């Protein structure tokens, strides 16, 4: 039985997040209103970064697994990742620029980040799609957000199995500091309101995977200080504290910007962004 089949059998809602599924924590002592339990798609190992609960879901539900089949699945995943990394990714045929505002983000900002929609790839239908480019300008992946907030999954990455970089990799202008946020629309909201040194890390665990490689382009661009501005909840605060020393080990000065309870960077208005922009640019 696969991890996906197990979640479906147990009636557990999930979303895909890179190499993991994201579900509500199964710890009975944790009221997890904002799903924070990450489950490895292959071996079922689960870890809640909010309360620390760890368990293998197969063992949790009393299911005996075949370790050999897990090893084979991991090998297939590695082969798939290698194939993806060797592919040249181009804009799909019939890609149409997204010209309307979306969730408070102006059409000008969406155009700047090359947002588009397409009907030529089924997995990307009914989504606003963003191409992720590496430091050379080559497209490394597409991230699509469903136009309906209640859709599951809300986000998809394309091609399947692709490893996401930070976004954007190349900053506009000359900076010595930058602000990292969790989600793409957190970044887009900050950018839309005037912040040009803001970067999405696509979730805290995504950044930890290959931290040195992902931060190197910013060091080359002159960044010496990184502000961590994650969501104003327990999971975001714990993740920021965990990442701070890891980023410092890479040679950066690190400071945490603690947002009010239940406030995300995507919720911040012009006044708040202007204040944060002034503070972070003066350091």
C-alpha atoms as a PDB file:
ATOM      1  CA  UNK A   1       0.000   0.000   0.000  1.00  0.00           C
ATOM      2  CA  UNK A   2       1.282   3.466  -0.872  1.00  0.00           C
ATOM      3  CA  UNK A   3       1.218   6.409   1.529  1.00  0.00           C
ATOM      4  CA  UNK A   4      -1.378   8.130  -0.645  1.00  0.00           C
ATOM      5  CA  UNK A   5      -3.600   5.026  -0.601  1.00  0.00           C
ATOM      6  CA  UNK A   6      -3.252   4.830   3.186  1.00  0.00           C
ATOM      7  CA  UNK A   7      -4.335   8.452   3.659  1.00  0.00           C
ATOM      8  CA  UNK A   8      -7.294   7.963   1.337  1.00  0.00           C
ATOM      9  CA  UNK A   9      -8.312   4.732   3.103  1.00  0.00           C
ATOM     10  CA  UNK A  10      -8.224   6.458   6.484  1.00  0.00           C
ATOM     11  CA  UNK A  11     -10.160   9.465   5.180  1.00  0.00           C
ATOM     12  CA  UNK A  12      -7.363  11.891   6.001  1.00  0.00           C
ATOM     13  CA  UNK A  13      -7.400  15.075   3.843  1.00  0.00           C
ATOM     14  CA  UNK A  14      -3.957  15.918   2.463  1.00  0.00           C
ATOM     15  CA  UNK A  15      -2.144  18.275   0.149  1.00  0.00           C
ATOM     16  CA  UNK A  16       1.035  17.637  -1.788  1.00  0.00           C
ATOM     17  CA  UNK A  17       4.066  19.655  -0.692  1.00  0.00           C
ATOM     18  CA  UNK A  18       7.253  18.696  -2.501  1.00  0.00           C
ATOM     19  CA  UNK A  19       8.348  15.229  -1.343  1.00  0.00           C
ATOM     20  CA  UNK A  20       5.775  15.215   1.463  1.00  0.00           C
ATOM     21  CA  UNK A  21       2.058  15.156   2.056  1.00  0.00           C
ATOM     22  CA  UNK A  22       0.773  17.797   4.472  1.00  0.00           C
ATOM     23  CA  UNK A  23      -1.983  16.733   6.891  1.00  0.00           C
ATOM     24  CA  UNK A  24      -3.407  17.792  10.238  1.00  0.00           C
ATOM     25  CA  UNK A  25      -1.348  16.484  13.128  1.00  0.00           C
ATOM     26  CA  UNK A  26      -2.476  13.108  14.490  1.00  0.00           C
ATOM     27  CA  UNK A  27      -1.252  13.945  17.984  1.00  0.00           C
ATOM     28  CA  UNK A  28      -4.458  14.030  20.095  1.00  0.00           C
ATOM     29  CA  UNK A  29      -2.917  16.708  22.305  1.00  0.00           C
ATOM     30  CA  UNK A  30      -2.280  19.060  19.371  1.00  0.00           C
ATOM     31  CA  UNK A  31      -5.142  21.171  18.017  1.00  0.00           C
ATOM     32  CA  UNK A  32      -3.679  21.575  14.551  1.00  0.00           C
ATOM     33  CA  UNK A  33      -6.002  24.036  12.809  1.00  0.00           C
ATOM     34  CA  UNK A  34      -3.270  24.875  10.285  1.00  0.00           C
ATOM     35  CA  UNK A  35      -2.009  21.466   9.003  1.00  0.00           C
ATOM     36  CA  UNK A  36       1.622  21.059   9.996  1.00  0.00           C
ATOM     37  CA  UNK A  37       2.285  17.291   9.927  1.00  0.00           C
ATOM     38  CA  UNK A  38       4.550  16.409   7.013  1.00  0.00           C
ATOM     39  CA  UNK A  39       4.463  12.812   5.766  1.00  0.00           C
ATOM     40  CA  UNK A  40       7.154  11.400   3.481  1.00  0.00           C
ATOM     41  CA  UNK A  41       5.388  10.297   0.292  1.00  0.00           C
ATOM     42  CA  UNK A  42       7.407   7.095   0.045  1.00  0.00           C
ATOM     43  CA  UNK A  43       8.107   5.692   3.520  1.00  0.00           C
ATOM     44  CA  UNK A  44       5.263   7.273   5.527  1.00  0.00           C
ATOM     45  CA  UNK A  45       7.528   8.835   8.159  1.00  0.00           C
ATOM     46  CA  UNK A  46       5.623  11.754   9.701  1.00  0.00           C
ATOM     47  CA  UNK A  47       6.944  14.738  11.658  1.00  0.00           C
ATOM     48  CA  UNK A  48       4.975  17.656  13.039  1.00  0.00           C
ATOM     49  CA  UNK A  49       7.211  20.711  13.197  1.00  0.00           C
ATOM     50  CA  UNK A  50       4.740  22.495  15.448  1.00  0.00           C
ATOM     51  CA  UNK A  51       4.489  20.013  18.361  1.00  0.00           C
ATOM     52  CA  UNK A  52       7.360  17.632  17.552  1.00  0.00           C
ATOM     53  CA  UNK A  53       5.190  14.498  17.167  1.00  0.00           C
ATOM     54  CA  UNK A  54       6.980  11.827  15.086  1.00  0.00           C
ATOM     55  CA  UNK A  55       5.669   8.507  13.856  1.00  0.00           C
ATOM     56  CA  UNK A  56       5.649   6.159  10.893  1.00  0.00           C
ATOM     57  CA  UNK A  57       2.056   6.210   9.656  1.00  0.00           C
ATOM     58  CA  UNK A  58       2.107   2.564   8.630  1.00  0.00           C
ATOM     59  CA  UNK A  59       3.130   1.544  12.153  1.00  0.00           C
ATOM     60  CA  UNK A  60       0.701   4.088  13.624  1.00  0.00           C
ATOM     61  CA  UNK A  61      -2.187   2.348  11.883  1.00  0.00           C
ATOM     62  CA  UNK A  62      -0.805  -1.157  12.485  1.00  0.00           C
ATOM     63  CA  UNK A  63       0.124  -1.901   8.874  1.00  0.00           C
ATOM     64  CA  UNK A  64       3.147  -4.059   8.075  1.00  0.00           C
ATOM     65  CA  UNK A  65       5.277  -2.626   5.268  1.00  0.00           C
ATOM     66  CA  UNK A  66       7.743  -4.233   2.912  1.00  0.00           C
ATOM     67  CA  UNK A  67      11.126  -2.477   3.283  1.00  0.00           C
ATOM     68  CA  UNK A  68      12.266  -3.824  -0.073  1.00  0.00           C
ATOM     69  CA  UNK A  69       9.338  -2.164  -1.842  1.00  0.00           C
ATOM     70  CA  UNK A  70      10.177   1.111  -0.104  1.00  0.00           C
ATOM     71  CA  UNK A  71      13.777   0.911  -1.314  1.00  0.00           C
ATOM     72  CA  UNK A  72      12.572   0.255  -4.855  1.00  0.00           C
ATOM     73  CA  UNK A  73      10.186   3.224  -4.626  1.00  0.00           C
ATOM     74  CA  UNK A  74      13.019   5.478  -3.433  1.00  0.00           C
ATOM     75  CA  UNK A  75      15.205   4.343  -6.314  1.00  0.00           C
ATOM     76  CA  UNK A  76      12.418   5.076  -8.802  1.00  0.00           C
ATOM     77  CA  UNK A  77      11.980   8.511  -7.231  1.00  0.00           C
ATOM     78  CA  UNK A  78      15.704   9.261  -7.613  1.00  0.00           C
ATOM     79  CA  UNK A  79      15.616   8.172 -11.265  1.00  0.00           C
ATOM     80  CA  UNK A  80      12.582  10.359 -11.871  1.00  0.00           C
ATOM     81  CA  UNK A  81      14.298  13.345 -10.238  1.00  0.00           C
ATOM     82  CA  UNK A  82      17.383  12.788 -12.403  1.00  0.00           C
ATOM     83  CA  UNK A  83      15.269  12.688 -15.554  1.00  0.00           C
ATOM     84  CA  UNK A  84      13.487  15.884 -14.529  1.00  0.00           C
ATOM     85  CA  UNK A  85      16.774  17.681 -13.837  1.00  0.00           C
ATOM     86  CA  UNK A  86      18.005  16.794 -17.331  1.00  0.00           C
ATOM     87  CA  UNK A  87      14.898  18.075 -19.104  1.00  0.00           C
ATOM     88  CA  UNK A  88      14.760  21.508 -20.659  1.00  0.00           C
ATOM     89  CA  UNK A  89      11.613  23.188 -19.376  1.00  0.00           C
ATOM     90  CA  UNK A  90       9.908  25.697 -21.643  1.00  0.00           C
ATOM     91  CA  UNK A  91       6.645  27.612 -21.533  1.00  0.00           C
ATOM     92  CA  UNK A  92       3.824  25.291 -22.623  1.00  0.00           C
ATOM     93  CA  UNK A  93       2.151  25.779 -25.960  1.00  0.00           C
ATOM     94  CA  UNK A  94      -0.787  28.142 -25.647  1.00  0.00           C
ATOM     95  CA  UNK A  95       0.461  29.806 -22.454  1.00  0.00           C
ATOM     96  CA  UNK A  96      -1.686  32.927 -22.007  1.00  0.00           C
ATOM     97  CA  UNK A  97      -0.503  35.806 -19.795  1.00  0.00           C
ATOM     98  CA  UNK A  98      -2.646  36.392 -16.685  1.00  0.00           C
ATOM     99  CA  UNK A  99      -3.798  39.994 -17.036  1.00  0.00           C
ATOM    100  CA  UNK A 100      -6.211  40.416 -14.115  1.00  0.00           C
ATOM    101  CA  UNK A 101      -5.468  41.025 -10.418  1.00  0.00           C
ATOM    102  CA  UNK A 102      -5.572  37.867  -8.314  1.00  0.00           C
ATOM    103  CA  UNK A 103      -6.124  37.657  -4.548  1.00  0.00           C
ATOM    104  CA  UNK A 104      -5.088  41.251  -4.023  1.00  0.00           C
ATOM    105  CA  UNK A 105      -1.981  41.038  -6.191  1.00  0.00           C
ATOM    106  CA  UNK A 106      -1.944  43.627  -8.973  1.00  0.00           C
ATOM    107  CA  UNK A 107      -1.904  42.667 -12.638  1.00  0.00           C
ATOM    108  CA  UNK A 108       1.404  44.562 -12.984  1.00  0.00           C
ATOM    109  CA  UNK A 109       3.114  42.324 -10.424  1.00  0.00           C
ATOM    110  CA  UNK A 110       1.616  39.170 -11.950  1.00  0.00           C
ATOM    111  CA  UNK A 111       2.851  40.272 -15.356  1.00  0.00           C
ATOM    112  CA  UNK A 112       6.322  40.978 -13.940  1.00  0.00           C
ATOM    113  CA  UNK A 113       6.544  37.426 -12.626  1.00  0.00           C
ATOM    114  CA  UNK A 114       5.258  36.038 -15.942  1.00  0.00           C
ATOM    115  CA  UNK A 115       2.035  34.573 -14.524  1.00  0.00           C
ATOM    116  CA  UNK A 116       0.016  32.667 -17.102  1.00  0.00           C
ATOM    117  CA  UNK A 117      -2.668  30.050 -17.567  1.00  0.00           C
ATOM    118  CA  UNK A 118      -2.872  27.165 -19.988  1.00  0.00           C
ATOM    119  CA  UNK A 119      -5.238  24.460 -21.203  1.00  0.00           C
ATOM    120  CA  UNK A 120      -2.534  22.347 -22.824  1.00  0.00           C
ATOM    121  CA  UNK A 121      -1.401  20.579 -19.628  1.00  0.00           C
ATOM    122  CA  UNK A 122      -4.191  18.923 -17.670  1.00  0.00           C
ATOM    123  CA  UNK A 123      -2.373  19.123 -14.337  1.00  0.00           C
ATOM    124  CA  UNK A 124      -2.080  22.907 -14.705  1.00  0.00           C
ATOM    125  CA  UNK A 125      -5.635  23.659 -15.788  1.00  0.00           C
ATOM    126  CA  UNK A 126      -7.655  26.154 -13.716  1.00  0.00           C
ATOM    127  CA  UNK A 127      -4.489  27.497 -12.159  1.00  0.00           C
ATOM    128  CA  UNK A 128      -2.463  30.668 -12.207  1.00  0.00           C
ATOM    129  CA  UNK A 129       1.033  29.478 -13.045  1.00  0.00           C
ATOM    130  CA  UNK A 130       4.445  30.975 -12.357  1.00  0.00           C
ATOM    131  CA  UNK A 131       7.696  29.927 -14.036  1.00  0.00           C
ATOM    132  CA  UNK A 132      10.632  29.623 -11.644  1.00  0.00           C
ATOM    133  CA  UNK A 133      13.912  30.689 -13.221  1.00  0.00           C
ATOM    134  CA  UNK A 134      17.425  29.935 -12.044  1.00  0.00           C
ATOM    135  CA  UNK A 135      20.243  32.488 -11.828  1.00  0.00           C
ATOM    136  CA  UNK A 136      20.903  32.118 -15.578  1.00  0.00           C
ATOM    137  CA  UNK A 137      17.269  32.771 -16.491  1.00  0.00           C
ATOM    138  CA  UNK A 138      16.501  29.156 -17.407  1.00  0.00           C
ATOM    139  CA  UNK A 139      13.111  27.845 -16.261  1.00  0.00           C
ATOM    140  CA  UNK A 140      13.612  25.235 -13.533  1.00  0.00           C
ATOM    141  CA  UNK A 141       9.952  24.516 -12.700  1.00  0.00           C
ATOM    142  CA  UNK A 142       6.380  25.752 -12.772  1.00  0.00           C
ATOM    143  CA  UNK A 143       4.258  26.373  -9.682  1.00  0.00           C
ATOM    144  CA  UNK A 144       0.510  26.546 -10.186  1.00  0.00           C
ATOM    145  CA  UNK A 145      -2.006  27.842  -7.654  1.00  0.00           C
ATOM    146  CA  UNK A 146      -5.640  26.818  -8.152  1.00  0.00           C
ATOM    147  CA  UNK A 147      -7.995  29.735  -8.742  1.00  0.00           C
ATOM    148  CA  UNK A 148     -10.362  28.286  -6.124  1.00  0.00           C
ATOM    149  CA  UNK A 149      -9.146  28.552  -2.523  1.00  0.00           C
ATOM    150  CA  UNK A 150     -10.887  25.357  -1.434  1.00  0.00           C
ATOM    151  CA  UNK A 151      -9.301  23.243  -4.187  1.00  0.00           C
ATOM    152  CA  UNK A 152      -7.187  20.246  -3.192  1.00  0.00           C
ATOM    153  CA  UNK A 153      -4.321  20.381  -3.831  1.00  0.00           C
ATOM    154  CA  UNK A 154      -4.145  24.162  -3.794  1.00  0.00           C
ATOM    155  CA  UNK A 155      -0.612  24.161  -5.253  1.00  0.00           C
ATOM    156  CA  UNK A 156       1.037  21.838  -7.756  1.00  0.00           C
ATOM    157  CA  UNK A 157       4.604  21.721  -9.019  1.00  0.00           C
ATOM    158  CA  UNK A 158       5.410  20.813 -12.599  1.00  0.00           C
ATOM    159  CA  UNK A 159       7.066  18.642 -13.811  1.00  0.00           C
ATOM    160  CA  UNK A 160       6.226  16.097 -11.104  1.00  0.00           C
ATOM    161  CA  UNK A 161       9.177  15.398  -8.824  1.00  0.00           C
ATOM    162  CA  UNK A 162      10.932  18.680  -9.542  1.00  0.00           C
ATOM    163  CA  UNK A 163      12.898  20.264  -6.690  1.00  0.00           C
ATOM    164  CA  UNK A 164      11.894  23.868  -6.096  1.00  0.00           C
ATOM    165  CA  UNK A 165      14.457  26.623  -5.747  1.00  0.00           C
ATOM    166  CA  UNK A 166      13.887  29.777  -3.735  1.00  0.00           C
ATOM    167  CA  UNK A 167      11.925  32.472  -5.573  1.00  0.00           C
ATOM    168  CA  UNK A 168      13.087  34.708  -7.043  1.00  0.00           C
ATOM    169  CA  UNK A 169      16.692  33.546  -7.219  1.00  0.00           C
ATOM    170  CA  UNK A 170      17.877  36.842  -8.684  1.00  0.00           C
ATOM    171  CA  UNK A 171      17.032  40.035  -6.792  1.00  0.00           C
ATOM    172  CA  UNK A 172      16.219  43.327  -8.487  1.00  0.00           C
ATOM    173  CA  UNK A 173      18.769  45.897  -7.474  1.00  0.00           C
ATOM    174  CA  UNK A 174      21.711  45.908  -5.089  1.00  0.00           C
ATOM    175  CA  UNK A 175      21.005  44.831  -1.502  1.00  0.00           C
ATOM    176  CA  UNK A 176      22.995  43.715   1.506  1.00  0.00           C
ATOM    177  CA  UNK A 177      19.960  42.222   3.262  1.00  0.00           C
ATOM    178  CA  UNK A 178      16.896  40.243   2.235  1.00  0.00           C
ATOM    179  CA  UNK A 179      13.664  39.007   3.800  1.00  0.00           C
ATOM    180  CA  UNK A 180      12.625  35.365   3.474  1.00  0.00           C
ATOM    181  CA  UNK A 181       8.974  34.314   3.736  1.00  0.00           C
ATOM    182  CA  UNK A 182       7.320  30.912   3.525  1.00  0.00           C
ATOM    183  CA  UNK A 183       4.918  31.047   0.591  1.00  0.00           C
ATOM    184  CA  UNK A 184       4.840  32.361  -2.956  1.00  0.00           C
ATOM    185  CA  UNK A 185       1.879  34.665  -2.322  1.00  0.00           C
ATOM    186  CA  UNK A 186       3.552  35.968   0.833  1.00  0.00           C
ATOM    187  CA  UNK A 187       6.406  37.068  -1.416  1.00  0.00           C
ATOM    188  CA  UNK A 188       4.088  38.427  -4.103  1.00  0.00           C
ATOM    189  CA  UNK A 189       2.140  40.522  -1.585  1.00  0.00           C
ATOM    190  CA  UNK A 190       5.335  42.048  -0.170  1.00  0.00           C
ATOM    191  CA  UNK A 191       6.715  42.701  -3.658  1.00  0.00           C
ATOM    192  CA  UNK A 192       3.430  44.194  -4.804  1.00  0.00           C
ATOM    193  CA  UNK A 193       3.641  46.706  -1.962  1.00  0.00           C
ATOM    194  CA  UNK A 194       7.177  47.820  -2.762  1.00  0.00           C
ATOM    195  CA  UNK A 195       9.594  45.351  -1.155  1.00  0.00           C
ATOM    196  CA  UNK A 196      12.181  44.217  -3.713  1.00  0.00           C
ATOM    197  CA  UNK A 197      14.455  42.087  -1.544  1.00  0.00           C
ATOM    198  CA  UNK A 198      11.849  39.501  -0.491  1.00  0.00           C
ATOM    199  CA  UNK A 199      12.202  35.801  -1.322  1.00  0.00           C
ATOM    200  CA  UNK A 200       9.869  32.821  -0.952  1.00  0.00           C
ATOM    201  CA  UNK A 201      11.434  29.593   0.331  1.00  0.00           C
ATOM    202  CA  UNK A 202       8.345  27.449  -0.461  1.00  0.00           C
ATOM    203  CA  UNK A 203       8.027  26.210   3.094  1.00  0.00           C
ATOM    204  CA  UNK A 204      10.571  25.821   5.840  1.00  0.00           C
ATOM    205  CA  UNK A 205      11.497  22.215   5.094  1.00  0.00           C
ATOM    206  CA  UNK A 206      12.083  23.018   1.430  1.00  0.00           C
ATOM    207  CA  UNK A 207      14.751  25.542   2.400  1.00  0.00           C
ATOM    208  CA  UNK A 208      16.499  23.093   4.749  1.00  0.00           C
ATOM    209  CA  UNK A 209      16.935  20.673   1.847  1.00  0.00           C
ATOM    210  CA  UNK A 210      20.085  21.989   0.170  1.00  0.00           C
ATOM    211  CA  UNK A 211      20.384  25.107   2.314  1.00  0.00           C
ATOM    212  CA  UNK A 212      23.941  25.908   1.216  1.00  0.00           C
ATOM    213  CA  UNK A 213      23.136  25.599  -2.502  1.00  0.00           C
ATOM    214  CA  UNK A 214      19.928  27.643  -2.223  1.00  0.00           C
ATOM    215  CA  UNK A 215      21.526  30.529  -0.323  1.00  0.00           C
ATOM    216  CA  UNK A 216      24.731  30.729  -2.349  1.00  0.00           C
ATOM    217  CA  UNK A 217      23.254  32.859  -5.180  1.00  0.00           C
ATOM    218  CA  UNK A 218      22.285  35.546  -2.657  1.00  0.00           C
ATOM    219  CA  UNK A 219      25.729  35.583  -1.084  1.00  0.00           C
ATOM    220  CA  UNK A 220      27.150  36.132  -4.561  1.00  0.00           C
ATOM    221  CA  UNK A 221      24.703  39.035  -5.020  1.00  0.00           C
ATOM    222  CA  UNK A 222      26.069  40.718  -1.892  1.00  0.00           C
ATOM    223  CA  UNK A 223      23.565  39.620   0.758  1.00  0.00           C
ATOM    224  CA  UNK A 224      25.116  39.540   4.227  1.00  0.00           C
ATOM    225  CA  UNK A 225      21.989  39.637   6.424  1.00  0.00           C
ATOM    226  CA  UNK A 226      18.782  37.606   6.226  1.00  0.00           C
ATOM    227  CA  UNK A 227      15.529  38.482   7.984  1.00  0.00           C
ATOM    228  CA  UNK A 228      13.230  35.509   8.617  1.00  0.00           C
ATOM    229  CA  UNK A 229       9.587  36.635   8.407  1.00  0.00           C
ATOM    230  CA  UNK A 230       7.483  33.486   8.678  1.00  0.00           C
ATOM    231  CA  UNK A 231       3.818  33.099   9.563  1.00  0.00           C
ATOM    232  CA  UNK A 232       2.661  34.427  12.920  1.00  0.00           C
ATOM    233  CA  UNK A 233       1.719  31.057  14.362  1.00  0.00           C
ATOM    234  CA  UNK A 234       3.436  28.413  16.470  1.00  0.00           C
ATOM    235  CA  UNK A 235       4.680  26.455  13.452  1.00  0.00           C
ATOM    236  CA  UNK A 236       6.132  29.558  11.787  1.00  0.00           C
ATOM    237  CA  UNK A 237       7.848  30.758  14.944  1.00  0.00           C
ATOM    238  CA  UNK A 238       9.323  27.356  15.744  1.00  0.00           C
ATOM    239  CA  UNK A 239      10.574  26.995  12.166  1.00  0.00           C
ATOM    240  CA  UNK A 240      12.211  30.436  12.288  1.00  0.00           C
ATOM    241  CA  UNK A 241      14.037  29.559  15.512  1.00  0.00           C
ATOM    242  CA  UNK A 242      15.181  26.255  14.030  1.00  0.00           C
ATOM    243  CA  UNK A 243      16.454  27.836  10.813  1.00  0.00           C
ATOM    244  CA  UNK A 244      18.235  30.818  12.382  1.00  0.00           C
ATOM    245  CA  UNK A 245      21.393  28.966  13.517  1.00  0.00           C
ATOM    246  CA  UNK A 246      21.462  26.892  10.319  1.00  0.00           C
ATOM    247  CA  UNK A 247      21.508  30.028   8.165  1.00  0.00           C
ATOM    248  CA  UNK A 248      24.077  31.647  10.456  1.00  0.00           C
ATOM    249  CA  UNK A 249      26.333  28.639   9.820  1.00  0.00           C
ATOM    250  CA  UNK A 250      26.307  29.684   6.155  1.00  0.00           C
ATOM    251  CA  UNK A 251      27.932  33.007   7.074  1.00  0.00           C
ATOM    252  CA  UNK A 252      24.882  35.292   7.234  1.00  0.00           C
ATOM    253  CA  UNK A 253      23.718  37.574  10.015  1.00  0.00           C
ATOM    254  CA  UNK A 254      20.168  36.485  10.846  1.00  0.00           C
ATOM    255  CA  UNK A 255      17.269  38.273  12.532  1.00  0.00           C
ATOM    256  CA  UNK A 256      13.713  37.058  13.058  1.00  0.00           C
ATOM    257  CA  UNK A 257      10.777  39.371  12.386  1.00  0.00           C
ATOM    258  CA  UNK A 258       7.971  38.144  14.646  1.00  0.00           C
ATOM    259  CA  UNK A 259       4.552  38.871  13.127  1.00  0.00           C
ATOM    260  CA  UNK A 260       1.373  39.207  15.254  1.00  0.00           C
ATOM    261  CA  UNK A 261      -0.620  36.071  16.041  1.00  0.00           C
ATOM    262  CA  UNK A 262      -2.273  34.459  13.004  1.00  0.00           C
ATOM    263  CA  UNK A 263      -0.852  37.068  10.601  1.00  0.00           C
ATOM    264  CA  UNK A 264       0.968  35.922   7.466  1.00  0.00           C
ATOM    265  CA  UNK A 265       3.199  38.103   5.257  1.00  0.00           C
ATOM    266  CA  UNK A 266       0.479  37.704   2.635  1.00  0.00           C
ATOM    267  CA  UNK A 267      -1.939  39.541   4.958  1.00  0.00           C
ATOM    268  CA  UNK A 268       0.215  42.635   5.520  1.00  0.00           C
ATOM    269  CA  UNK A 269      -1.053  45.968   4.218  1.00  0.00           C
ATOM    270  CA  UNK A 270       0.890  48.832   2.624  1.00  0.00           C
ATOM    271  CA  UNK A 271       1.636  50.523   5.941  1.00  0.00           C
ATOM    272  CA  UNK A 272       3.054  47.375   7.518  1.00  0.00           C
ATOM    273  CA  UNK A 273       5.135  46.504   4.458  1.00  0.00           C
ATOM    274  CA  UNK A 274       6.480  50.048   4.247  1.00  0.00           C
ATOM    275  CA  UNK A 275       7.570  49.909   7.883  1.00  0.00           C
ATOM    276  CA  UNK A 276       9.236  46.505   7.468  1.00  0.00           C
ATOM    277  CA  UNK A 277      10.894  47.648   4.232  1.00  0.00           C
ATOM    278  CA  UNK A 278      12.369  50.694   5.982  1.00  0.00           C
ATOM    279  CA  UNK A 279      13.616  48.590   8.899  1.00  0.00           C
ATOM    280  CA  UNK A 280      15.191  45.831   6.827  1.00  0.00           C
ATOM    281  CA  UNK A 281      16.846  48.160   4.331  1.00  0.00           C
ATOM    282  CA  UNK A 282      18.577  50.022   7.149  1.00  0.00           C
ATOM    283  CA  UNK A 283      20.386  46.963   8.448  1.00  0.00           C
END
